[in-house]
All heavy atoms as atom14 arrays in JSON, in Angstrom:
{
  "sequence": "GTTAHAFSHILYKALLFMGTGAVLYSVGTSKLHELGALAGKMKWVLT",
  "atom14_mask": [
    [1, 1, 1, 1, 0, 0, 0, 0, 0, 0, 0, 0, 0, 0],
    [1, 1, 1, 1, 1, 1, 1, 0, 0, 0, 0, 0, 0, 0],
    [1, 1, 1, 1, 1, 1, 1, 0, 0, 0, 0, 0, 0, 0],
    [1, 1, 1, 1, 1, 0, 0, 0, 0, 0, 0, 0, 0, 0],
    [1, 1, 1, 1, 1, 1, 1, 1, 1, 1, 0, 0, 0, 0],
    [1, 1, 1, 1, 1, 0, 0, 0, 0, 0, 0, 0, 0, 0],
    [1, 1, 1, 1, 1, 1, 1, 1, 1, 1, 1, 0, 0, 0],
    [1, 1, 1, 1, 1, 1, 0, 0, 0, 0, 0, 0, 0, 0],
    [1, 1, 1, 1, 1, 1, 1, 1, 1, 1, 0, 0, 0, 0],
    [1, 1, 1, 1, 1, 1, 1, 1, 0, 0, 0, 0, 0, 0],
    [1, 1, 1, 1, 1, 1, 1, 1, 0, 0, 0, 0, 0, 0],
    [1, 1, 1, 1, 1, 1, 1, 1, 1, 1, 1, 1, 0, 0],
    [1, 1, 1, 1, 1, 1, 1, 1, 1, 0, 0, 0, 0, 0],
    [1, 1, 1, 1, 1, 0, 0, 0, 0, 0, 0, 0, 0, 0],
    [1, 1, 1, 1, 1, 1, 1, 1, 0, 0, 0, 0, 0, 0],
    [1, 1, 1, 1, 1, 1, 1, 1, 0, 0, 0, 0, 0, 0],
    [1, 1, 1, 1, 1, 1, 1, 1, 1, 1, 1, 0, 0, 0],
    [1, 1, 1, 1, 1, 1, 1, 1, 0, 0, 0, 0, 0, 0],
    [1, 1, 1, 1, 0, 0, 0, 0, 0, 0, 0, 0, 0, 0],
    [1, 1, 1, 1, 1, 1, 1, 0, 0, 0, 0, 0, 0, 0],
    [1, 1, 1, 1, 0, 0, 0, 0, 0, 0, 0, 0, 0, 0],
    [1, 1, 1, 1, 1, 0, 0, 0, 0, 0, 0, 0, 0, 0],
    [1, 1, 1, 1, 1, 1, 1, 0, 0, 0, 0, 0, 0, 0],
    [1, 1, 1, 1, 1, 1, 1, 1, 0, 0, 0, 0, 0, 0],
    [1, 1, 1, 1, 1, 1, 1, 1, 1, 1, 1, 1, 0, 0],
    [1, 1, 1, 1, 1, 1, 0, 0, 0, 0, 0, 0, 0, 0],
    [1, 1, 1, 1, 1, 1, 1, 0, 0, 0, 0, 0, 0, 0],
    [1, 1, 1, 1, 0, 0, 0, 0, 0, 0, 0, 0, 0, 0],
    [1, 1, 1, 1, 1, 1, 1, 0, 0, 0, 0, 0, 0, 0],
    [1, 1, 1, 1, 1, 1, 0, 0, 0, 0, 0, 0, 0, 0],
    [1, 1, 1, 1, 1, 1, 1, 1, 1, 0, 0, 0, 0, 0],
    [1, 1, 1, 1, 1, 1, 1, 1, 0, 0, 0, 0, 0, 0],
    [1, 1, 1, 1, 1, 1, 1, 1, 1, 1, 0, 0, 0, 0],
    [1, 1, 1, 1, 1, 1, 1, 1, 1, 0, 0, 0, 0, 0],
    [1, 1, 1, 1, 1, 1, 1, 1, 0, 0, 0, 0, 0, 0],
    [1, 1, 1, 1, 0, 0, 0, 0, 0, 0, 0, 0, 0, 0],
    [1, 1, 1, 1, 1, 0, 0, 0, 0, 0, 0, 0, 0, 0],
    [1, 1, 1, 1, 1, 1, 1, 1, 0, 0, 0, 0, 0, 0],
    [1, 1, 1, 1, 1, 0, 0, 0, 0, 0, 0, 0, 0, 0],
    [1, 1, 1, 1, 0, 0, 0, 0, 0, 0, 0, 0, 0, 0],
    [1, 1, 1, 1, 1, 1, 1, 1, 1, 0, 0, 0, 0, 0],
    [1, 1, 1, 1, 1, 1, 1, 1, 0, 0, 0, 0, 0, 0],
    [1, 1, 1, 1, 1, 1, 1, 1, 1, 0, 0, 0, 0, 0],
    [1, 1, 1, 1, 1, 1, 1, 1, 1, 1, 1, 1, 1, 1],
    [1, 1, 1, 1, 1, 1, 1, 0, 0, 0, 0, 0, 0, 0],
    [1, 1, 1, 1, 1, 1, 1, 1, 0, 0, 0, 0, 0, 0],
    [1, 1, 1, 1, 1, 1, 1, 0, 0, 0, 0, 0, 0, 0]
  ],
  "atom14_positions": [
    [[-9.47, 27.89, 17.69], [-8.73, 27.17, 16.69], [-7.84, 26.06, 17.36], [-7.81, 24.93, 16.78], [0.0, 0.0, 0.0], [0.0, 0.0, 0.0], [0.0, 0.0, 0.0], [0.0, 0.0, 0.0], [0.0, 0.0, 0.0], [0.0, 0.0, 0.0], [0.0, 0.0, 0.0], [0.0, 0.0, 0.0], [0.0, 0.0, 0.0], [0.0, 0.0, 0.0]],
    [[-7.33, 26.33, 18.43], [-6.49, 25.35, 19.16], [-7.39, 24.14, 19.57], [-7.01, 22.99, 19.4], [-5.83, 25.93, 20.45], [-4.93, 27.0, 19.94], [-5.02, 24.93, 21.21], [0.0, 0.0, 0.0], [0.0, 0.0, 0.0], [0.0, 0.0, 0.0], [0.0, 0.0, 0.0], [0.0, 0.0, 0.0], [0.0, 0.0, 0.0], [0.0, 0.0, 0.0]],
    [[-8.55, 24.47, 20.15], [-9.48, 23.39, 20.6], [-9.94, 22.56, 19.38], [-9.96, 21.3, 19.42], [-10.69, 24.04, 21.26], [-10.2, 24.87, 22.33], [-11.56, 22.94, 21.89], [0.0, 0.0, 0.0], [0.0, 0.0, 0.0], [0.0, 0.0, 0.0], [0.0, 0.0, 0.0], [0.0, 0.0, 0.0], [0.0, 0.0, 0.0], [0.0, 0.0, 0.0]],
    [[-10.33, 23.27, 18.33], [-10.77, 22.57, 17.1], [-9.64, 21.71, 16.53], [-9.88, 20.57, 16.06], [-11.29, 23.59, 16.08], [0.0, 0.0, 0.0], [0.0, 0.0, 0.0], [0.0, 0.0, 0.0], [0.0, 0.0, 0.0], [0.0, 0.0, 0.0], [0.0, 0.0, 0.0], [0.0, 0.0, 0.0], [0.0, 0.0, 0.0], [0.0, 0.0, 0.0]],
    [[-8.43, 22.2, 16.5], [-7.35, 21.49, 15.91], [-6.96, 20.3, 16.73], [-6.53, 19.18, 16.18], [-6.16, 22.4, 15.76], [-5.17, 21.92, 14.67], [-5.64, 21.66, 13.4], [-3.83, 21.71, 14.69], [-4.58, 21.27, 12.68], [-3.5, 21.23, 13.36], [0.0, 0.0, 0.0], [0.0, 0.0, 0.0], [0.0, 0.0, 0.0], [0.0, 0.0, 0.0]],
    [[-7.09, 20.33, 18.05], [-6.83, 19.17, 18.85], [-7.82, 18.04, 18.51], [-7.45, 16.85, 18.34], [-7.02, 19.49, 20.35], [0.0, 0.0, 0.0], [0.0, 0.0, 0.0], [0.0, 0.0, 0.0], [0.0, 0.0, 0.0], [0.0, 0.0, 0.0], [0.0, 0.0, 0.0], [0.0, 0.0, 0.0], [0.0, 0.0, 0.0], [0.0, 0.0, 0.0]],
    [[-9.09, 18.41, 18.26], [-10.07, 17.39, 17.78], [-9.78, 16.93, 16.42], [-9.79, 15.67, 16.2], [-11.44, 18.05, 17.85], [-12.59, 17.13, 17.42], [-13.15, 16.23, 18.35], [-13.04, 17.17, 16.12], [-14.18, 15.4, 17.9], [-14.04, 16.3, 15.69], [-14.63, 15.45, 16.56], [0.0, 0.0, 0.0], [0.0, 0.0, 0.0], [0.0, 0.0, 0.0]],
    [[-9.49, 17.78, 15.5], [-9.23, 17.35, 14.12], [-7.98, 16.47, 14.06], [-7.97, 15.52, 13.3], [-9.0, 18.63, 13.23], [-10.2, 19.37, 13.08], [0.0, 0.0, 0.0], [0.0, 0.0, 0.0], [0.0, 0.0, 0.0], [0.0, 0.0, 0.0], [0.0, 0.0, 0.0], [0.0, 0.0, 0.0], [0.0, 0.0, 0.0], [0.0, 0.0, 0.0]],
    [[-7.01, 16.82, 14.81], [-5.72, 16.1, 14.82], [-5.9, 14.61, 15.23], [-5.26, 13.73, 14.65], [-4.76, 16.76, 15.79], [-3.41, 16.11, 15.83], [-2.49, 16.1, 14.76], [-2.82, 15.38, 16.79], [-1.45, 15.41, 15.11], [-1.61, 14.96, 16.36], [0.0, 0.0, 0.0], [0.0, 0.0, 0.0], [0.0, 0.0, 0.0], [0.0, 0.0, 0.0]],
    [[-6.76, 14.44, 16.23], [-7.03, 13.07, 16.71], [-7.55, 12.19, 15.54], [-7.19, 11.07, 15.33], [-8.07, 13.04, 17.88], [-7.36, 13.62, 19.12], [-8.54, 11.66, 18.15], [-8.31, 13.92, 20.29], [0.0, 0.0, 0.0], [0.0, 0.0, 0.0], [0.0, 0.0, 0.0], [0.0, 0.0, 0.0], [0.0, 0.0, 0.0], [0.0, 0.0, 0.0]],
    [[-8.45, 12.8, 14.77], [-9.09, 12.05, 13.65], [-8.1, 11.75, 12.53], [-7.88, 10.56, 12.16], [-10.29, 12.81, 13.06], [-11.57, 12.81, 13.94], [-12.6, 13.63, 13.31], [-12.07, 11.43, 14.21], [0.0, 0.0, 0.0], [0.0, 0.0, 0.0], [0.0, 0.0, 0.0], [0.0, 0.0, 0.0], [0.0, 0.0, 0.0], [0.0, 0.0, 0.0]],
    [[-7.47, 12.75, 11.98], [-6.65, 12.46, 10.83], [-5.31, 11.78, 11.16], [-4.81, 10.97, 10.39], [-6.39, 13.71, 9.96], [-5.67, 14.91, 10.62], [-4.37, 14.78, 11.06], [-6.34, 16.12, 10.71], [-3.69, 15.88, 11.62], [-5.65, 17.23, 11.21], [-4.39, 17.07, 11.71], [-3.68, 18.15, 12.31], [0.0, 0.0, 0.0], [0.0, 0.0, 0.0]],
    [[-4.8, 12.01, 12.38], [-3.59, 11.29, 12.72], [-3.87, 9.83, 13.01], [-3.06, 8.96, 12.68], [-2.94, 12.0, 13.91], [-1.52, 11.46, 14.21], [-0.59, 11.39, 13.03], [-0.24, 12.79, 12.46], [0.65, 13.54, 13.24], [0.0, 0.0, 0.0], [0.0, 0.0, 0.0], [0.0, 0.0, 0.0], [0.0, 0.0, 0.0], [0.0, 0.0, 0.0]],
    [[-5.01, 9.56, 13.62], [-5.43, 8.16, 13.78], [-5.56, 7.46, 12.48], [-5.1, 6.33, 12.3], [-6.74, 8.06, 14.59], [0.0, 0.0, 0.0], [0.0, 0.0, 0.0], [0.0, 0.0, 0.0], [0.0, 0.0, 0.0], [0.0, 0.0, 0.0], [0.0, 0.0, 0.0], [0.0, 0.0, 0.0], [0.0, 0.0, 0.0], [0.0, 0.0, 0.0]],
    [[-6.1, 8.15, 11.47], [-6.29, 7.55, 10.15], [-4.9, 7.36, 9.5], [-4.69, 6.32, 8.8], [-7.18, 8.48, 9.31], [-7.49, 8.04, 7.86], [-8.12, 6.62, 7.9], [-8.46, 9.03, 7.21], [0.0, 0.0, 0.0], [0.0, 0.0, 0.0], [0.0, 0.0, 0.0], [0.0, 0.0, 0.0], [0.0, 0.0, 0.0], [0.0, 0.0, 0.0]],
    [[-3.99, 8.3, 9.63], [-2.65, 8.16, 9.09], [-1.97, 6.89, 9.68], [-1.35, 6.13, 8.94], [-1.84, 9.42, 9.34], [-2.17, 10.65, 8.51], [-1.46, 11.84, 9.08], [-1.74, 10.45, 7.06], [0.0, 0.0, 0.0], [0.0, 0.0, 0.0], [0.0, 0.0, 0.0], [0.0, 0.0, 0.0], [0.0, 0.0, 0.0], [0.0, 0.0, 0.0]],
    [[-2.09, 6.71, 10.98], [-1.4, 5.6, 11.6], [-2.12, 4.29, 11.25], [-1.5, 3.2, 11.19], [-1.33, 5.8, 13.09], [-0.07, 6.55, 13.53], [-0.21, 7.87, 14.01], [1.17, 6.02, 13.44], [0.94, 8.58, 14.4], [2.3, 6.69, 13.77], [2.19, 7.98, 14.28], [0.0, 0.0, 0.0], [0.0, 0.0, 0.0], [0.0, 0.0, 0.0]],
    [[-3.45, 4.29, 11.06], [-4.14, 3.09, 10.67], [-3.72, 2.68, 9.22], [-3.55, 1.46, 8.96], [-5.67, 3.29, 10.69], [-6.26, 3.26, 12.07], [-8.04, 3.16, 12.05], [-8.49, 4.87, 11.86], [0.0, 0.0, 0.0], [0.0, 0.0, 0.0], [0.0, 0.0, 0.0], [0.0, 0.0, 0.0], [0.0, 0.0, 0.0], [0.0, 0.0, 0.0]],
    [[-3.47, 3.68, 8.35], [-2.97, 3.4, 7.06], [-1.58, 2.79, 7.11], [-1.27, 1.8, 6.43], [0.0, 0.0, 0.0], [0.0, 0.0, 0.0], [0.0, 0.0, 0.0], [0.0, 0.0, 0.0], [0.0, 0.0, 0.0], [0.0, 0.0, 0.0], [0.0, 0.0, 0.0], [0.0, 0.0, 0.0], [0.0, 0.0, 0.0], [0.0, 0.0, 0.0]],
    [[-0.77, 3.31, 7.97], [0.57, 2.8, 8.16], [0.52, 1.37, 8.73], [1.23, 0.49, 8.31], [1.36, 3.65, 9.22], [1.4, 5.02, 8.66], [2.77, 3.17, 9.44], [0.0, 0.0, 0.0], [0.0, 0.0, 0.0], [0.0, 0.0, 0.0], [0.0, 0.0, 0.0], [0.0, 0.0, 0.0], [0.0, 0.0, 0.0], [0.0, 0.0, 0.0]],
    [[-0.38, 1.13, 9.68], [-0.55, -0.18, 10.21], [-1.01, -1.19, 9.23], [-0.56, -2.33, 9.21], [0.0, 0.0, 0.0], [0.0, 0.0, 0.0], [0.0, 0.0, 0.0], [0.0, 0.0, 0.0], [0.0, 0.0, 0.0], [0.0, 0.0, 0.0], [0.0, 0.0, 0.0], [0.0, 0.0, 0.0], [0.0, 0.0, 0.0], [0.0, 0.0, 0.0]],
    [[-1.86, -0.78, 8.28], [-2.27, -1.64, 7.18], [-1.13, -2.06, 6.3], [-1.0, -3.18, 5.89], [-3.42, -1.0, 6.42], [0.0, 0.0, 0.0], [0.0, 0.0, 0.0], [0.0, 0.0, 0.0], [0.0, 0.0, 0.0], [0.0, 0.0, 0.0], [0.0, 0.0, 0.0], [0.0, 0.0, 0.0], [0.0, 0.0, 0.0], [0.0, 0.0, 0.0]],
    [[-0.29, -1.1, 5.96], [0.91, -1.35, 5.15], [1.88, -2.28, 5.89], [2.38, -3.27, 5.32], [1.6, -0.07, 4.77], [2.94, -0.34, 4.11], [0.73, 0.79, 3.84], [0.0, 0.0, 0.0], [0.0, 0.0, 0.0], [0.0, 0.0, 0.0], [0.0, 0.0, 0.0], [0.0, 0.0, 0.0], [0.0, 0.0, 0.0], [0.0, 0.0, 0.0]],
    [[2.11, -2.01, 7.16], [2.99, -2.8, 7.93], [2.47, -4.21, 8.08], [3.22, -5.24, 7.96], [3.16, -2.18, 9.32], [4.24, -2.81, 10.25], [5.58, -2.81, 9.65], [4.23, -2.06, 11.61], [0.0, 0.0, 0.0], [0.0, 0.0, 0.0], [0.0, 0.0, 0.0], [0.0, 0.0, 0.0], [0.0, 0.0, 0.0], [0.0, 0.0, 0.0]],
    [[1.14, -4.33, 8.23], [0.53, -5.71, 8.39], [0.65, -6.43, 7.04], [0.97, -7.67, 7.06], [-0.96, -5.52, 8.74], [-1.73, -6.83, 8.72], [-1.82, -7.64, 9.87], [-2.43, -7.2, 7.6], [-2.51, -8.82, 9.85], [-3.14, -8.41, 7.58], [-3.2, -9.2, 8.71], [-3.88, -10.39, 8.71], [0.0, 0.0, 0.0], [0.0, 0.0, 0.0]],
    [[0.37, -5.78, 5.94], [0.39, -6.44, 4.63], [1.72, -6.79, 4.11], [1.95, -7.88, 3.46], [-0.32, -5.58, 3.63], [-1.71, -5.4, 4.03], [0.0, 0.0, 0.0], [0.0, 0.0, 0.0], [0.0, 0.0, 0.0], [0.0, 0.0, 0.0], [0.0, 0.0, 0.0], [0.0, 0.0, 0.0], [0.0, 0.0, 0.0], [0.0, 0.0, 0.0]],
    [[2.71, -5.91, 4.31], [3.98, -6.03, 3.67], [5.09, -6.47, 4.67], [6.06, -7.12, 4.33], [4.38, -4.74, 2.98], [5.69, -4.91, 2.24], [3.36, -4.32, 1.96], [0.0, 0.0, 0.0], [0.0, 0.0, 0.0], [0.0, 0.0, 0.0], [0.0, 0.0, 0.0], [0.0, 0.0, 0.0], [0.0, 0.0, 0.0], [0.0, 0.0, 0.0]],
    [[4.94, -6.05, 5.94], [5.89, -6.44, 6.94], [6.99, -5.43, 7.16], [7.94, -5.7, 7.99], [0.0, 0.0, 0.0], [0.0, 0.0, 0.0], [0.0, 0.0, 0.0], [0.0, 0.0, 0.0], [0.0, 0.0, 0.0], [0.0, 0.0, 0.0], [0.0, 0.0, 0.0], [0.0, 0.0, 0.0], [0.0, 0.0, 0.0], [0.0, 0.0, 0.0]],
    [[6.93, -4.27, 6.54], [7.93, -3.2, 6.78], [7.25, -1.83, 6.61], [6.27, -1.67, 5.84], [9.12, -3.3, 5.79], [10.07, -2.3, 6.09], [8.66, -3.22, 4.34], [0.0, 0.0, 0.0], [0.0, 0.0, 0.0], [0.0, 0.0, 0.0], [0.0, 0.0, 0.0], [0.0, 0.0, 0.0], [0.0, 0.0, 0.0], [0.0, 0.0, 0.0]],
    [[7.83, -0.85, 7.27], [7.35, 0.53, 7.11], [8.49, 1.44, 6.67], [8.39, 2.63, 6.68], [6.78, 1.04, 8.43], [7.7, 1.02, 9.45], [0.0, 0.0, 0.0], [0.0, 0.0, 0.0], [0.0, 0.0, 0.0], [0.0, 0.0, 0.0], [0.0, 0.0, 0.0], [0.0, 0.0, 0.0], [0.0, 0.0, 0.0], [0.0, 0.0, 0.0]],
    [[9.62, 0.86, 6.17], [10.72, 1.57, 5.66], [10.47, 1.99, 4.25], [10.17, 1.15, 3.4], [12.01, 0.74, 5.71], [12.45, 0.31, 7.1], [12.89, 1.46, 7.97], [13.46, 0.97, 9.25], [13.86, 2.15, 10.15], [0.0, 0.0, 0.0], [0.0, 0.0, 0.0], [0.0, 0.0, 0.0], [0.0, 0.0, 0.0], [0.0, 0.0, 0.0]],
    [[10.55, 3.28, 3.96], [10.21, 3.74, 2.6], [11.05, 3.14, 1.52], [10.6, 2.8, 0.41], [10.4, 5.31, 2.54], [9.37, 6.1, 3.41], [9.65, 7.61, 3.12], [8.01, 5.74, 3.05], [0.0, 0.0, 0.0], [0.0, 0.0, 0.0], [0.0, 0.0, 0.0], [0.0, 0.0, 0.0], [0.0, 0.0, 0.0], [0.0, 0.0, 0.0]],
    [[12.35, 2.9, 1.74], [13.25, 2.36, 0.72], [12.97, 0.95, 0.36], [13.41, 0.36, -0.56], [14.7, 2.54, 1.1], [15.21, 1.69, 2.2], [14.98, 2.0, 3.51], [15.85, 0.47, 2.16], [15.48, 1.01, 4.29], [15.99, 0.09, 3.5], [0.0, 0.0, 0.0], [0.0, 0.0, 0.0], [0.0, 0.0, 0.0], [0.0, 0.0, 0.0]],
    [[12.17, 0.26, 1.28], [11.76, -1.15, 1.03], [10.38, -1.27, 0.45], [9.94, -2.41, 0.12], [11.89, -1.91, 2.32], [13.3, -1.98, 2.93], [13.31, -2.71, 4.25], [12.25, -2.97, 4.81], [14.41, -2.9, 4.79], [0.0, 0.0, 0.0], [0.0, 0.0, 0.0], [0.0, 0.0, 0.0], [0.0, 0.0, 0.0], [0.0, 0.0, 0.0]],
    [[9.67, -0.21, 0.3], [8.28, -0.21, -0.13], [8.18, 0.24, -1.56], [9.1, 0.64, -2.24], [7.37, 0.67, 0.78], [7.23, 0.19, 2.24], [6.59, 1.31, 3.09], [6.39, -1.11, 2.29], [0.0, 0.0, 0.0], [0.0, 0.0, 0.0], [0.0, 0.0, 0.0], [0.0, 0.0, 0.0], [0.0, 0.0, 0.0], [0.0, 0.0, 0.0]],
    [[6.91, 0.18, -2.09], [6.66, 0.66, -3.48], [5.73, -0.25, -4.24], [5.58, -1.47, -3.86], [0.0, 0.0, 0.0], [0.0, 0.0, 0.0], [0.0, 0.0, 0.0], [0.0, 0.0, 0.0], [0.0, 0.0, 0.0], [0.0, 0.0, 0.0], [0.0, 0.0, 0.0], [0.0, 0.0, 0.0], [0.0, 0.0, 0.0], [0.0, 0.0, 0.0]],
    [[5.15, 0.23, -5.26], [4.29, -0.57, -6.21], [3.12, -1.26, -5.47], [2.77, -2.35, -5.87], [5.17, -1.62, -6.9], [0.0, 0.0, 0.0], [0.0, 0.0, 0.0], [0.0, 0.0, 0.0], [0.0, 0.0, 0.0], [0.0, 0.0, 0.0], [0.0, 0.0, 0.0], [0.0, 0.0, 0.0], [0.0, 0.0, 0.0], [0.0, 0.0, 0.0]],
    [[2.57, -0.61, -4.5], [1.44, -1.2, -3.75], [0.1, -0.63, -4.13], [-0.94, -1.11, -3.66], [1.65, -0.97, -2.24], [2.9, -1.64, -1.58], [3.01, -1.18, -0.14], [2.85, -3.13, -1.72], [0.0, 0.0, 0.0], [0.0, 0.0, 0.0], [0.0, 0.0, 0.0], [0.0, 0.0, 0.0], [0.0, 0.0, 0.0], [0.0, 0.0, 0.0]],
    [[0.12, 0.4, -4.98], [-1.16, 1.09, -5.3], [-2.2, 0.13, -5.84], [-3.41, 0.21, -5.51], [-0.9, 2.24, -6.31], [0.0, 0.0, 0.0], [0.0, 0.0, 0.0], [0.0, 0.0, 0.0], [0.0, 0.0, 0.0], [0.0, 0.0, 0.0], [0.0, 0.0, 0.0], [0.0, 0.0, 0.0], [0.0, 0.0, 0.0], [0.0, 0.0, 0.0]],
    [[-1.82, -0.7, -6.77], [-2.8, -1.64, -7.38], [-3.33, -2.65, -6.43], [-4.43, -3.15, -6.6], [0.0, 0.0, 0.0], [0.0, 0.0, 0.0], [0.0, 0.0, 0.0], [0.0, 0.0, 0.0], [0.0, 0.0, 0.0], [0.0, 0.0, 0.0], [0.0, 0.0, 0.0], [0.0, 0.0, 0.0], [0.0, 0.0, 0.0], [0.0, 0.0, 0.0]],
    [[-2.55, -3.03, -5.43], [-2.96, -4.05, -4.49], [-3.66, -3.51, -3.25], [-4.26, -4.21, -2.51], [-1.74, -4.89, -4.08], [-1.12, -5.61, -5.25], [0.19, -6.31, -4.9], [0.88, -6.93, -6.05], [2.17, -7.54, -5.74], [0.0, 0.0, 0.0], [0.0, 0.0, 0.0], [0.0, 0.0, 0.0], [0.0, 0.0, 0.0], [0.0, 0.0, 0.0]],
    [[-3.45, -2.22, -2.97], [-3.98, -1.59, -1.72], [-4.56, -0.27, -2.03], [-4.35, 0.73, -1.36], [-2.79, -1.42, -0.71], [-2.07, -2.68, -0.35], [-0.8, -2.43, 0.94], [-1.79, -2.1, 2.4], [0.0, 0.0, 0.0], [0.0, 0.0, 0.0], [0.0, 0.0, 0.0], [0.0, 0.0, 0.0], [0.0, 0.0, 0.0], [0.0, 0.0, 0.0]],
    [[-5.43, -0.23, -3.1], [-5.97, 1.05, -3.52], [-6.87, 1.7, -2.49], [-6.92, 2.92, -2.4], [-6.64, 0.93, -4.9], [-7.6, -0.16, -5.1], [-8.17, -0.12, -6.49], [-8.89, -1.41, -6.93], [-7.99, -2.56, -7.0], [0.0, 0.0, 0.0], [0.0, 0.0, 0.0], [0.0, 0.0, 0.0], [0.0, 0.0, 0.0], [0.0, 0.0, 0.0]],
    [[-7.65, 0.93, -1.75], [-8.5, 1.5, -0.73], [-7.74, 2.03, 0.41], [-8.08, 3.14, 0.97], [-9.58, 0.51, -0.27], [-10.71, 0.42, -1.24], [-11.05, -0.61, -2.07], [-11.72, 1.38, -1.48], [-12.15, -0.3, -2.75], [-12.61, 0.93, -2.48], [-11.9, 2.66, -0.95], [-13.66, 1.64, -2.91], [-12.99, 3.43, -1.45], [-13.86, 2.92, -2.38]],
    [[-6.68, 1.34, 0.77], [-5.82, 1.86, 1.86], [-5.19, 3.21, 1.42], [-5.15, 4.16, 2.2], [-4.72, 0.85, 2.21], [-3.72, 1.48, 3.24], [-5.27, -0.4, 2.77], [0.0, 0.0, 0.0], [0.0, 0.0, 0.0], [0.0, 0.0, 0.0], [0.0, 0.0, 0.0], [0.0, 0.0, 0.0], [0.0, 0.0, 0.0], [0.0, 0.0, 0.0]],
    [[-4.75, 3.29, 0.15], [-4.22, 4.48, -0.43], [-5.25, 5.62, -0.4], [-4.92, 6.77, -0.04], [-3.7, 4.24, -1.81], [-3.26, 5.46, -2.61], [-2.13, 6.25, -1.95], [-2.85, 5.09, -4.03], [0.0, 0.0, 0.0], [0.0, 0.0, 0.0], [0.0, 0.0, 0.0], [0.0, 0.0, 0.0], [0.0, 0.0, 0.0], [0.0, 0.0, 0.0]],
    [[-6.48, 5.26, -0.78], [-7.55, 6.28, -0.8], [-7.83, 6.83, 0.61], [-7.86, 8.06, 0.75], [-8.81, 5.67, -1.35], [-8.6, 5.17, -2.66], [-10.0, 6.65, -1.37], [0.0, 0.0, 0.0], [0.0, 0.0, 0.0], [0.0, 0.0, 0.0], [0.0, 0.0, 0.0], [0.0, 0.0, 0.0], [0.0, 0.0, 0.0], [0.0, 0.0, 0.0]]
  ]
}
């Protein structure tokens, strides 16, 4: 389980940070209180 989780973690955490990077690139901030209403403009990133 530990070995498998190390592998799985690399994949989904990379994807989480890529999504964050896309938001940061598009909007210029990663602060939650400054974000919002992006679902219609970034639906694939959200998916």
